[in-house]
Amino acid sequence: MTTLGPKKDGGPNVDFFQSSECLTQFDQIRVWLQKNCKKHVQTDPPTKEGLAQLVIQLIQYQENKLGKNAVDPPFLRLPIYVF
């Protein structure tokens, strides 16, 4: 499995989130969403790759807007272990 080592720029470890092991876990989330949130995902069902991309984009957004190089961040970002 690809390691989740910290990156120097604080961005997401894309290789980790796109690894087959991680995508398998996103598939479990996809199945849960389709089972328990039918009316919200019925028109545009999520894919495991789409969920991985969403997490990557969220982590990158946090780094850009809330990271150590952000200008006047409004609050702290979520820790990586949340993802």
N, C-alpha and C. Protein backbone atom coordinates (compact mmCIF):
# COMPACT_ATOMS: atom_id res chain seq x y z
N MET A 1 0.84 -1.18 0.00
CA MET A 1 0.00 0.00 0.00
C MET A 1 0.89 1.24 0.00
N THR A 2 0.46 2.25 -0.71
CA THR A 2 1.19 3.50 -0.77
C THR A 2 1.14 4.17 0.60
N THR A 3 2.24 4.73 1.03
CA THR A 3 2.27 5.34 2.35
C THR A 3 1.63 6.71 2.33
N LEU A 4 1.17 7.11 3.48
CA LEU A 4 0.52 8.41 3.62
C LEU A 4 1.49 9.36 4.30
N GLY A 5 2.68 9.44 3.78
CA GLY A 5 3.68 10.34 4.33
C GLY A 5 3.30 11.78 4.07
N PRO A 6 3.67 12.65 4.97
CA PRO A 6 3.35 14.06 4.77
C PRO A 6 4.10 14.62 3.57
N LYS A 7 3.45 15.50 2.86
CA LYS A 7 4.10 16.16 1.74
C LYS A 7 4.62 17.51 2.20
N LYS A 8 5.72 17.93 1.63
CA LYS A 8 6.33 19.19 2.04
C LYS A 8 5.43 20.39 1.76
N ASP A 9 4.61 20.30 0.72
CA ASP A 9 3.75 21.43 0.39
C ASP A 9 2.39 21.37 1.11
N GLY A 10 2.13 20.30 1.86
CA GLY A 10 0.88 20.18 2.61
C GLY A 10 -0.30 19.70 1.79
N GLY A 11 -0.09 19.48 0.51
CA GLY A 11 -1.17 19.01 -0.36
C GLY A 11 -1.47 17.54 -0.16
N PRO A 12 -2.46 17.05 -0.86
CA PRO A 12 -2.85 15.64 -0.73
C PRO A 12 -1.85 14.70 -1.39
N ASN A 13 -1.75 13.50 -0.87
CA ASN A 13 -0.92 12.47 -1.47
C ASN A 13 -1.81 11.75 -2.49
N VAL A 14 -1.79 12.23 -3.72
CA VAL A 14 -2.68 11.74 -4.78
C VAL A 14 -2.48 10.25 -5.03
N ASP A 15 -1.23 9.80 -5.02
CA ASP A 15 -0.95 8.37 -5.26
C ASP A 15 -1.65 7.49 -4.23
N PHE A 16 -1.68 7.94 -2.98
CA PHE A 16 -2.35 7.17 -1.93
C PHE A 16 -3.84 7.08 -2.20
N PHE A 17 -4.48 8.20 -2.48
CA PHE A 17 -5.93 8.21 -2.65
C PHE A 17 -6.38 7.52 -3.93
N GLN A 18 -5.47 7.35 -4.90
CA GLN A 18 -5.82 6.66 -6.14
C GLN A 18 -5.31 5.22 -6.17
N SER A 19 -4.74 4.75 -5.06
CA SER A 19 -4.27 3.36 -5.00
C SER A 19 -5.46 2.41 -4.94
N SER A 20 -5.25 1.19 -5.37
CA SER A 20 -6.35 0.21 -5.40
C SER A 20 -6.89 -0.07 -4.01
N GLU A 21 -6.02 -0.08 -3.00
CA GLU A 21 -6.47 -0.33 -1.63
C GLU A 21 -7.40 0.78 -1.14
N CYS A 22 -7.03 1.99 -1.43
CA CYS A 22 -7.85 3.13 -1.00
C CYS A 22 -9.16 3.17 -1.78
N LEU A 23 -9.09 2.89 -3.08
CA LEU A 23 -10.31 2.89 -3.90
C LEU A 23 -11.29 1.81 -3.43
N THR A 24 -10.77 0.70 -2.94
CA THR A 24 -11.64 -0.35 -2.39
C THR A 24 -12.42 0.18 -1.20
N GLN A 25 -11.77 0.99 -0.38
CA GLN A 25 -12.46 1.57 0.78
C GLN A 25 -13.48 2.62 0.34
N PHE A 26 -13.13 3.40 -0.70
CA PHE A 26 -14.10 4.36 -1.23
C PHE A 26 -15.30 3.65 -1.83
N ASP A 27 -15.09 2.45 -2.35
CA ASP A 27 -16.20 1.68 -2.91
C ASP A 27 -17.19 1.30 -1.81
N GLN A 28 -16.68 1.00 -0.61
CA GLN A 28 -17.58 0.70 0.51
C GLN A 28 -18.40 1.93 0.88
N ILE A 29 -17.80 3.10 0.81
CA ILE A 29 -18.53 4.34 1.09
C ILE A 29 -19.58 4.57 0.01
N ARG A 30 -19.22 4.31 -1.25
CA ARG A 30 -20.17 4.46 -2.37
C ARG A 30 -21.39 3.57 -2.17
N VAL A 31 -21.16 2.33 -1.80
CA VAL A 31 -22.26 1.38 -1.58
C VAL A 31 -23.15 1.88 -0.43
N TRP A 32 -22.54 2.35 0.64
CA TRP A 32 -23.31 2.86 1.78
C TRP A 32 -24.15 4.06 1.37
N LEU A 33 -23.55 4.98 0.60
CA LEU A 33 -24.30 6.16 0.15
C LEU A 33 -25.48 5.77 -0.73
N GLN A 34 -25.27 4.82 -1.62
CA GLN A 34 -26.35 4.40 -2.51
C GLN A 34 -27.46 3.67 -1.75
N LYS A 35 -27.10 3.02 -0.67
CA LYS A 35 -28.10 2.30 0.12
C LYS A 35 -28.85 3.23 1.07
N ASN A 36 -28.14 4.14 1.72
CA ASN A 36 -28.73 4.96 2.78
C ASN A 36 -29.11 6.38 2.37
N CYS A 37 -28.68 6.82 1.23
CA CYS A 37 -28.97 8.20 0.78
C CYS A 37 -29.50 8.18 -0.64
N LYS A 38 -30.40 7.25 -0.93
CA LYS A 38 -30.89 7.04 -2.29
C LYS A 38 -31.39 8.31 -2.95
N LYS A 39 -32.23 9.07 -2.25
CA LYS A 39 -32.85 10.23 -2.90
C LYS A 39 -31.83 11.33 -3.20
N HIS A 40 -30.71 11.33 -2.51
CA HIS A 40 -29.69 12.36 -2.74
C HIS A 40 -28.70 11.98 -3.83
N VAL A 41 -28.49 10.70 -4.07
CA VAL A 41 -27.50 10.27 -5.05
C VAL A 41 -28.12 9.55 -6.25
N GLN A 42 -29.43 9.48 -6.29
CA GLN A 42 -30.10 8.72 -7.35
C GLN A 42 -29.85 9.32 -8.73
N THR A 43 -29.88 10.63 -8.87
CA THR A 43 -29.72 11.25 -10.18
C THR A 43 -28.27 11.24 -10.66
N ASP A 44 -27.32 11.27 -9.73
CA ASP A 44 -25.90 11.26 -10.09
C ASP A 44 -25.14 10.36 -9.11
N PRO A 45 -25.21 9.04 -9.30
CA PRO A 45 -24.58 8.12 -8.36
C PRO A 45 -23.07 8.33 -8.29
N PRO A 46 -22.51 8.29 -7.07
CA PRO A 46 -21.07 8.47 -6.93
C PRO A 46 -20.30 7.24 -7.40
N THR A 47 -19.05 7.48 -7.77
CA THR A 47 -18.14 6.38 -8.09
C THR A 47 -17.00 6.43 -7.07
N LYS A 48 -16.30 5.33 -6.94
CA LYS A 48 -15.18 5.31 -5.99
C LYS A 48 -14.09 6.28 -6.44
N GLU A 49 -13.87 6.39 -7.75
CA GLU A 49 -12.88 7.34 -8.27
C GLU A 49 -13.32 8.78 -8.03
N GLY A 50 -14.62 9.03 -8.18
CA GLY A 50 -15.15 10.36 -7.93
C GLY A 50 -15.03 10.76 -6.47
N LEU A 51 -15.27 9.82 -5.57
CA LEU A 51 -15.13 10.10 -4.14
C LEU A 51 -13.67 10.38 -3.79
N ALA A 52 -12.76 9.61 -4.39
CA ALA A 52 -11.33 9.84 -4.14
C ALA A 52 -10.93 11.23 -4.64
N GLN A 53 -11.41 11.60 -5.81
CA GLN A 53 -11.10 12.92 -6.36
C GLN A 53 -11.68 14.02 -5.49
N LEU A 54 -12.86 13.81 -4.94
CA LEU A 54 -13.47 14.79 -4.05
C LEU A 54 -12.62 15.02 -2.80
N VAL A 55 -12.11 13.95 -2.22
CA VAL A 55 -11.25 14.07 -1.03
C VAL A 55 -9.95 14.78 -1.39
N ILE A 56 -9.37 14.43 -2.54
CA ILE A 56 -8.14 15.09 -2.98
C ILE A 56 -8.37 16.59 -3.14
N GLN A 57 -9.48 16.95 -3.77
CA GLN A 57 -9.79 18.37 -3.98
C GLN A 57 -10.05 19.09 -2.66
N LEU A 58 -10.71 18.43 -1.73
CA LEU A 58 -10.99 19.03 -0.42
C LEU A 58 -9.69 19.30 0.34
N ILE A 59 -8.78 18.33 0.33
CA ILE A 59 -7.51 18.51 1.03
C ILE A 59 -6.71 19.63 0.37
N GLN A 60 -6.71 19.68 -0.97
CA GLN A 60 -5.97 20.74 -1.66
C GLN A 60 -6.59 22.10 -1.38
N TYR A 61 -7.91 22.18 -1.35
CA TYR A 61 -8.59 23.44 -1.03
C TYR A 61 -8.21 23.91 0.38
N GLN A 62 -8.23 22.98 1.33
CA GLN A 62 -7.85 23.33 2.70
C GLN A 62 -6.43 23.87 2.75
N GLU A 63 -5.54 23.23 2.02
CA GLU A 63 -4.15 23.69 2.03
C GLU A 63 -4.05 25.08 1.43
N ASN A 64 -4.76 25.31 0.34
CA ASN A 64 -4.69 26.61 -0.32
C ASN A 64 -5.29 27.72 0.54
N LYS A 65 -6.43 27.46 1.17
CA LYS A 65 -7.16 28.50 1.92
C LYS A 65 -6.84 28.55 3.40
N LEU A 66 -6.40 27.41 3.97
CA LEU A 66 -6.21 27.34 5.41
C LEU A 66 -4.82 26.89 5.83
N GLY A 67 -3.96 26.58 4.89
CA GLY A 67 -2.63 26.06 5.20
C GLY A 67 -1.68 27.12 5.72
N LYS A 68 -0.44 26.70 5.95
CA LYS A 68 0.54 27.60 6.56
C LYS A 68 0.90 28.78 5.65
N ASN A 69 0.71 28.67 4.35
CA ASN A 69 1.01 29.76 3.44
C ASN A 69 -0.21 30.60 3.08
N ALA A 70 -1.37 30.29 3.66
CA ALA A 70 -2.58 31.05 3.38
C ALA A 70 -2.51 32.43 4.03
N VAL A 71 -3.06 33.40 3.35
CA VAL A 71 -3.10 34.76 3.88
C VAL A 71 -4.34 34.90 4.75
N ASP A 72 -4.15 35.14 6.04
CA ASP A 72 -5.23 35.35 7.00
C ASP A 72 -6.29 34.24 6.96
N PRO A 73 -5.89 32.99 7.26
CA PRO A 73 -6.87 31.90 7.27
C PRO A 73 -7.93 32.12 8.35
N PRO A 74 -9.22 31.89 8.04
CA PRO A 74 -10.29 32.15 8.99
C PRO A 74 -10.34 31.16 10.16
N PHE A 75 -9.84 29.93 9.95
CA PHE A 75 -9.82 28.91 11.00
C PHE A 75 -8.84 27.83 10.61
N LEU A 76 -8.61 26.88 11.50
CA LEU A 76 -7.67 25.79 11.24
C LEU A 76 -8.29 24.75 10.31
N ARG A 77 -7.46 24.07 9.57
CA ARG A 77 -7.96 23.02 8.67
C ARG A 77 -8.17 21.73 9.43
N LEU A 78 -8.93 20.82 8.84
CA LEU A 78 -9.17 19.51 9.44
C LEU A 78 -7.89 18.69 9.37
N PRO A 79 -7.57 17.93 10.41
CA PRO A 79 -6.37 17.10 10.38
C PRO A 79 -6.51 15.98 9.33
N ILE A 80 -5.39 15.53 8.79
CA ILE A 80 -5.40 14.53 7.73
C ILE A 80 -6.01 13.20 8.18
N TYR A 81 -5.91 12.89 9.48
CA TYR A 81 -6.46 11.59 9.92
C TYR A 81 -7.98 11.54 9.79
N VAL A 82 -8.64 12.66 9.63
CA VAL A 82 -10.10 12.69 9.42
C VAL A 82 -10.44 12.05 8.07
N PHE A 83 -9.51 12.16 7.12
CA PHE A 83 -9.75 11.62 5.79
C PHE A 83 -9.32 10.18 5.71
